[in-house]
Amino acid sequence: MNLDAVRTFVAVADTGQFQEAAADLSITQQAVSKRIAALEQDVGVRLFTRTARGAQLTIDGRVFLPHARGLLRAEERAAASVRPGRRALRVDVIGRNLAPAGLLRDFHRAYPETELDVVTHLLDTDAALAAVRSGTIDASFRAVTLPARQLPDDIEAVPVLDEPIQLLTGPAHEFAAARAVMPAELAGHRIWMPGIVTGTEWAAYYGELAAAFGLTIDSTGPNFGIETLLDMIADSSALATFVGEQTRLVWPADYDLRRVVLHGPTPVYPHSLIWRRDNPHPALTTLRDHLDSTRPLRRGAETWAPPWAANN
């Protein structure tokens, strides 16, 4: 059923005149007649009778009128649901306990009136880029391993946070009592990270980190999750793992796990925000401005990041 014809039917019913309805709709009277005729053919009944005083609804027309108004209200609700600013901003953060989720929490505290839909189901950058391009999500926080010039033309990527990486150990580990450790001092020590998935941006990051400082990062599994990893590290004098400075972790007090600062240099994980250039959602602009004003980058002589991070 053509909604323009339904809208024309309602206009004629309200004005009682084909000519007045045409003026209200900014179309010709002939166009009004054609639309009403097509609608009557669709529903299989006459909706108006013409009299000297104008157009009067038939019995079927009076029955159809409230349903026609309902169709037009439904059309408006459907359009409003996807109108820029009327739906929640949909953002991918990989994991809810990682730094990007913290950036979104800070944004929500600053702009509590902005609706957010936080998703975590995209595994790698390629999937995130595809989702941004298709409109499935509005933006994604990623470490972008491609140079900016190699990104799709319709995609923008801007660095938003260089997050320091820390060493997480149990109380019996050699570096448990250290105030800080140089990355090169970790050579020969087992860094266990069973959550690394081949082909992901974090696999690329930690591969570069290991090569730069001669480290051994063990990604053998199975990966039973962060709780099991913390169990193993708490009981071991040899195992350690890397975590982001802003990664939110909770463990039993008797584990006595230690976060040890890395410096000389400090490895930083380069989080970027990616979005489609023509995305009109006003909250996306607000988010970008907020990140730009609150999260300065830390890259410099005292930090380390992969070579591809400097190209974004």
Protein backbone atom coordinates (compact mmCIF):
# COMPACT_ATOMS: atom_id res chain seq x y z
CA MET A 1 0.00 0.00 0.00
CA ASN A 2 1.44 3.35 -1.08
CA LEU A 3 1.80 5.65 1.94
CA ASP A 4 1.66 8.77 -0.24
CA ALA A 5 -1.78 7.61 -1.36
CA VAL A 6 -2.79 7.00 2.26
CA ARG A 7 -1.55 10.48 3.20
CA THR A 8 -3.56 11.94 0.32
CA PHE A 9 -6.67 10.05 1.45
CA VAL A 10 -6.35 11.52 4.96
CA ALA A 11 -5.83 15.01 3.54
CA VAL A 12 -9.01 14.76 1.43
CA ALA A 13 -10.95 13.34 4.39
CA ASP A 14 -9.81 16.25 6.57
CA THR A 15 -10.48 19.02 4.03
CA GLY A 16 -13.48 17.51 2.21
CA GLN A 17 -12.06 18.88 -1.06
CA PHE A 18 -9.68 17.38 -3.61
CA GLN A 19 -8.50 20.89 -4.50
CA GLU A 20 -7.73 21.89 -0.90
CA ALA A 21 -5.96 18.59 -0.27
CA ALA A 22 -3.82 19.21 -3.36
CA ALA A 23 -2.84 22.64 -2.03
CA ASP A 24 -1.97 21.22 1.42
CA LEU A 25 0.20 18.52 -0.17
CA SER A 26 1.74 20.85 -2.78
CA ILE A 27 0.65 18.61 -5.68
CA THR A 28 -1.89 19.00 -8.47
CA GLN A 29 -5.56 18.12 -8.13
CA GLN A 30 -5.05 15.57 -10.90
CA ALA A 31 -2.34 13.89 -8.81
CA VAL A 32 -4.74 13.73 -5.86
CA SER A 33 -7.38 12.05 -8.02
CA LYS A 34 -4.87 9.51 -9.35
CA ARG A 35 -3.64 8.64 -5.86
CA ILE A 36 -7.17 8.17 -4.50
CA ALA A 37 -8.10 6.01 -7.51
CA ALA A 38 -5.00 3.84 -7.01
CA LEU A 39 -5.74 3.46 -3.29
CA GLU A 40 -9.36 2.48 -3.97
CA GLN A 41 -8.08 -0.12 -6.41
CA ASP A 42 -5.70 -1.47 -3.76
CA VAL A 43 -8.36 -1.82 -1.05
CA GLY A 44 -11.10 -2.89 -3.48
CA VAL A 45 -13.77 -0.39 -2.34
CA ARG A 46 -14.80 3.20 -2.98
CA LEU A 47 -13.58 5.57 -0.30
CA PHE A 48 -15.23 8.82 -1.42
CA THR A 49 -18.32 9.97 -3.23
CA ARG A 50 -18.20 13.31 -5.04
CA THR A 51 -20.98 15.78 -4.37
CA ALA A 52 -21.58 19.40 -5.22
CA ARG A 53 -20.10 20.30 -1.84
CA GLY A 54 -16.93 18.26 -2.35
CA ALA A 55 -15.81 14.76 -1.41
CA GLN A 56 -17.60 12.75 1.26
CA LEU A 57 -16.38 9.55 2.86
CA THR A 58 -18.30 6.39 2.05
CA ILE A 59 -19.10 3.94 4.82
CA ASP A 60 -15.94 2.01 3.87
CA GLY A 61 -13.99 5.27 3.85
CA ARG A 62 -15.08 6.05 7.42
CA VAL A 63 -14.03 2.57 8.51
CA PHE A 64 -10.66 2.92 6.78
CA LEU A 65 -9.84 6.42 8.09
CA PRO A 66 -8.60 5.56 11.62
CA HIS A 67 -6.44 2.78 10.18
CA ALA A 68 -5.01 5.20 7.62
CA ARG A 69 -4.10 7.63 10.40
CA GLY A 70 -2.47 4.75 12.27
CA LEU A 71 -0.37 3.88 9.21
CA LEU A 72 0.91 7.45 9.00
CA ARG A 73 1.73 7.52 12.74
CA ALA A 74 3.60 4.22 12.35
CA GLU A 75 5.55 5.70 9.43
CA GLU A 76 6.57 8.67 11.56
CA ARG A 77 7.64 6.44 14.47
CA ALA A 78 9.70 4.27 12.11
CA ALA A 79 11.44 7.30 10.62
CA ALA A 80 12.04 8.85 14.05
CA SER A 81 13.60 5.65 15.40
CA VAL A 82 16.58 6.00 13.04
CA ARG A 83 16.73 9.78 12.76
CA PRO A 84 20.19 11.03 13.78
CA GLY A 85 20.28 11.56 17.52
CA ARG A 86 17.07 9.64 18.22
CA ARG A 87 18.68 6.23 18.69
CA ALA A 88 21.50 5.14 20.99
CA LEU A 89 25.08 5.54 19.80
CA ARG A 90 26.34 1.99 19.18
CA VAL A 91 30.02 1.51 20.06
CA ASP A 92 32.25 -1.59 20.09
CA VAL A 93 34.81 -1.88 22.92
CA ILE A 94 36.20 -5.48 22.62
CA GLY A 95 35.87 -6.13 26.37
CA ARG A 96 33.94 -4.43 29.17
CA ASN A 97 36.87 -4.56 31.62
CA LEU A 98 39.39 -2.98 29.22
CA ALA A 99 40.46 0.65 28.78
CA PRO A 100 38.05 1.54 25.92
CA ALA A 101 35.10 0.63 28.13
CA GLY A 102 36.55 2.97 30.74
CA LEU A 103 36.72 5.76 28.15
CA LEU A 104 33.03 5.22 27.40
CA ARG A 105 32.15 5.20 31.12
CA ASP A 106 33.91 8.55 31.51
CA PHE A 107 32.03 9.88 28.48
CA HIS A 108 28.72 8.71 29.93
CA ARG A 109 29.45 10.42 33.23
CA ALA A 110 30.20 13.64 31.35
CA TYR A 111 27.14 13.33 29.08
CA PRO A 112 24.59 11.21 30.99
CA GLU A 113 21.78 12.26 28.65
CA THR A 114 23.49 10.54 25.70
CA GLU A 115 22.17 7.01 25.11
CA LEU A 116 24.86 4.39 24.51
CA ASP A 117 24.63 0.83 23.22
CA VAL A 118 27.93 -0.87 24.14
CA VAL A 119 28.76 -4.05 22.20
CA THR A 120 31.66 -6.49 22.56
CA HIS A 121 31.03 -9.16 19.93
CA LEU A 122 33.60 -8.16 17.27
CA LEU A 123 36.86 -10.09 17.49
CA ASP A 124 39.26 -8.30 15.12
CA THR A 125 39.83 -5.03 13.31
CA ASP A 126 38.60 -6.35 9.96
CA ALA A 127 35.27 -7.31 11.50
CA ALA A 128 35.04 -3.94 13.25
CA LEU A 129 35.80 -2.06 10.02
CA ALA A 130 33.15 -4.05 8.17
CA ALA A 131 30.59 -3.34 10.90
CA VAL A 132 31.37 0.38 10.88
CA ARG A 133 31.14 0.54 7.09
CA SER A 134 27.83 -1.33 7.02
CA GLY A 135 26.33 0.80 9.79
CA THR A 136 25.95 -2.12 12.22
CA ILE A 137 27.93 -0.05 14.73
CA ASP A 138 28.73 3.66 14.81
CA ALA A 139 32.30 3.40 16.09
CA SER A 140 34.87 0.98 17.47
CA PHE A 141 37.92 1.28 19.70
CA ARG A 142 40.82 -0.60 18.10
CA ALA A 143 44.57 -0.71 17.74
CA VAL A 144 44.77 0.03 14.02
CA THR A 145 47.67 -1.93 12.54
CA LEU A 146 47.18 -0.48 9.04
CA PRO A 147 48.67 2.92 8.14
CA ALA A 148 45.95 5.56 7.89
CA ARG A 149 46.50 5.83 4.12
CA GLN A 150 45.58 2.15 3.71
CA LEU A 151 42.24 2.39 5.50
CA PRO A 152 39.08 2.44 3.36
CA ASP A 153 38.37 5.92 2.03
CA ASP A 154 35.13 6.19 4.01
CA ILE A 155 36.76 5.29 7.35
CA GLU A 156 38.43 7.70 9.77
CA ALA A 157 40.75 6.54 12.57
CA VAL A 158 42.17 8.78 15.30
CA PRO A 159 44.42 7.75 18.23
CA VAL A 160 42.68 8.42 21.54
CA LEU A 161 44.73 6.70 24.26
CA ASP A 162 48.22 5.31 24.71
CA GLU A 163 47.72 2.91 27.60
CA PRO A 164 50.83 1.83 29.56
CA ILE A 165 51.34 -1.93 29.80
CA GLN A 166 52.12 -3.45 33.22
CA LEU A 167 53.52 -6.77 34.39
CA LEU A 168 51.16 -8.82 36.58
CA THR A 169 52.82 -11.35 38.90
CA GLY A 170 52.12 -13.49 41.92
CA PRO A 171 53.81 -12.75 45.29
CA ALA A 172 56.57 -15.36 44.75
CA HIS A 173 57.72 -14.05 41.37
CA GLU A 174 61.21 -12.58 41.02
CA PHE A 175 59.82 -9.15 40.12
CA ALA A 176 56.94 -9.11 42.61
CA ALA A 177 58.62 -6.60 44.90
CA ALA A 178 60.08 -4.43 42.14
CA ARG A 179 58.84 -0.85 41.87
CA ALA A 180 59.52 -0.91 38.15
CA VAL A 181 61.08 -3.21 35.57
CA MET A 182 62.65 -2.50 32.19
CA PRO A 183 61.08 -4.52 29.35
CA ALA A 184 64.49 -5.92 28.39
CA GLU A 185 64.86 -7.39 31.91
CA LEU A 186 61.95 -9.72 31.11
CA ALA A 187 63.95 -11.61 28.48
CA GLY A 188 64.13 -15.26 29.48
CA HIS A 189 61.05 -15.02 31.72
CA ARG A 190 57.80 -16.74 30.76
CA ILE A 191 55.07 -14.25 29.95
CA TRP A 192 51.87 -16.27 29.64
CA MET A 193 49.01 -14.81 27.61
CA PRO A 194 46.65 -17.60 26.51
CA GLY A 195 44.06 -15.03 25.36
CA ILE A 196 46.11 -13.96 22.33
CA VAL A 197 44.25 -14.88 19.14
CA THR A 198 46.22 -15.10 15.91
CA GLY A 199 45.31 -12.39 13.43
CA THR A 200 43.98 -9.90 16.00
CA GLU A 201 45.45 -6.47 16.63
CA TRP A 202 46.57 -7.45 20.13
CA ALA A 203 48.45 -10.44 18.68
CA ALA A 204 50.19 -8.01 16.32
CA TYR A 205 51.00 -5.67 19.21
CA TYR A 206 52.45 -8.29 21.52
CA GLY A 207 54.35 -9.91 18.63
CA GLU A 208 56.05 -6.55 17.98
CA LEU A 209 56.68 -6.06 21.71
CA ALA A 210 58.33 -9.48 22.04
CA ALA A 211 60.53 -8.89 18.99
CA ALA A 212 61.59 -5.41 20.15
CA PHE A 213 62.80 -6.55 23.59
CA GLY A 214 63.70 -10.21 23.05
CA LEU A 215 60.79 -11.50 25.10
CA THR A 216 59.09 -14.87 25.10
CA ILE A 217 55.31 -14.55 25.14
CA ASP A 218 53.60 -17.92 25.54
CA SER A 219 50.10 -17.97 24.07
CA THR A 220 49.51 -21.71 24.42
CA GLY A 221 46.11 -22.61 25.83
CA PRO A 222 43.57 -23.64 26.44
CA ASN A 223 42.22 -20.22 27.43
CA PHE A 224 39.79 -20.72 30.33
CA GLY A 225 39.40 -17.00 30.95
CA ILE A 226 40.94 -14.33 33.12
CA GLU A 227 39.93 -15.93 36.43
CA THR A 228 41.88 -19.11 35.66
CA LEU A 229 44.85 -17.07 34.47
CA LEU A 230 44.90 -15.16 37.77
CA ASP A 231 44.69 -18.45 39.69
CA MET A 232 47.77 -19.78 37.90
CA ILE A 233 49.82 -16.61 38.29
CA ALA A 234 48.99 -16.29 42.00
CA ASP A 235 50.41 -19.77 42.69
CA SER A 236 53.49 -19.51 40.43
CA SER A 237 56.97 -18.11 40.96
CA ALA A 238 57.71 -18.28 37.22
CA LEU A 239 54.57 -17.15 35.40
CA ALA A 240 53.62 -13.53 34.73
CA THR A 241 51.38 -11.79 32.24
CA PHE A 242 50.88 -8.35 30.70
CA VAL A 243 47.83 -6.22 31.45
CA GLY A 244 46.84 -2.71 30.51
CA GLU A 245 47.17 -0.06 33.21
CA GLN A 246 43.42 0.61 32.99
CA THR A 247 42.28 -3.02 32.76
CA ARG A 248 39.83 -3.63 35.59
CA LEU A 249 40.70 -6.84 37.45
CA VAL A 250 39.37 -8.21 40.72
CA TRP A 251 40.95 -11.11 42.60
CA PRO A 252 40.75 -12.62 46.11
CA ALA A 253 42.86 -10.75 48.68
CA ASP A 254 44.92 -13.84 49.51
CA TYR A 255 46.21 -13.98 45.89
CA ASP A 256 48.37 -10.91 46.65
CA LEU A 257 48.90 -10.24 42.94
CA ARG A 258 51.21 -7.38 42.01
CA ARG A 259 51.01 -4.84 39.17
CA VAL A 260 54.57 -3.87 38.28
CA VAL A 261 55.26 -0.72 36.25
CA LEU A 262 57.31 -1.10 33.08
CA HIS A 263 59.64 1.71 32.07
CA GLY A 264 62.85 2.37 30.21
CA PRO A 265 60.88 2.60 27.93
CA THR A 266 57.21 2.17 28.89
CA PRO A 267 55.31 0.06 26.34
CA VAL A 268 51.97 1.69 25.50
CA TYR A 269 49.02 0.10 23.75
CA PRO A 270 47.72 2.48 21.04
CA HIS A 271 43.91 2.64 21.21
CA SER A 272 42.20 4.44 18.33
CA LEU A 273 38.59 5.30 17.57
CA ILE A 274 37.36 4.37 14.10
CA TRP A 275 34.13 5.57 12.48
CA ARG A 276 32.56 6.17 9.09
CA ARG A 277 33.19 9.70 7.81
CA ASP A 278 29.59 10.29 6.73
CA ASN A 279 27.96 9.03 9.94
CA PRO A 280 25.56 11.85 10.94
CA HIS A 281 24.87 10.77 14.54
CA PRO A 282 25.39 13.91 16.67
CA ALA A 283 26.53 11.88 19.69
CA LEU A 284 29.44 10.55 17.63
CA THR A 285 30.76 14.09 17.22
CA THR A 286 30.29 14.68 20.95
CA LEU A 287 32.22 11.49 21.76
CA ARG A 288 35.07 12.41 19.43
CA ASP A 289 35.34 15.90 20.89
CA HIS A 290 35.27 14.51 24.42
CA LEU A 291 38.07 12.02 23.71
CA ASP A 292 40.13 14.69 21.98
CA SER A 293 39.90 17.01 24.98
CA THR A 294 40.40 14.51 27.80
CA ARG A 295 42.87 11.88 26.60
CA PRO A 296 46.26 13.27 25.54
CA LEU A 297 48.65 10.79 23.95
CA ARG A 298 51.83 9.72 25.74
CA ARG A 299 54.14 8.84 22.87
CA GLY A 300 57.70 10.09 23.22
CA ALA A 301 61.25 9.09 23.99
CA GLU A 302 60.21 7.37 27.23
CA THR A 303 57.53 5.20 25.62
CA TRP A 304 57.47 2.40 23.07
CA ALA A 305 54.76 1.55 20.55
CA PRO A 306 54.85 -0.59 17.41
CA PRO A 307 56.07 1.15 14.22
CA TRP A 308 52.57 0.96 12.70
CA ALA A 309 51.17 3.00 15.59
CA ALA A 310 53.21 6.03 14.52
CA ASN A 311 51.43 6.02 11.14
CA ASN A 312 47.97 6.58 12.64
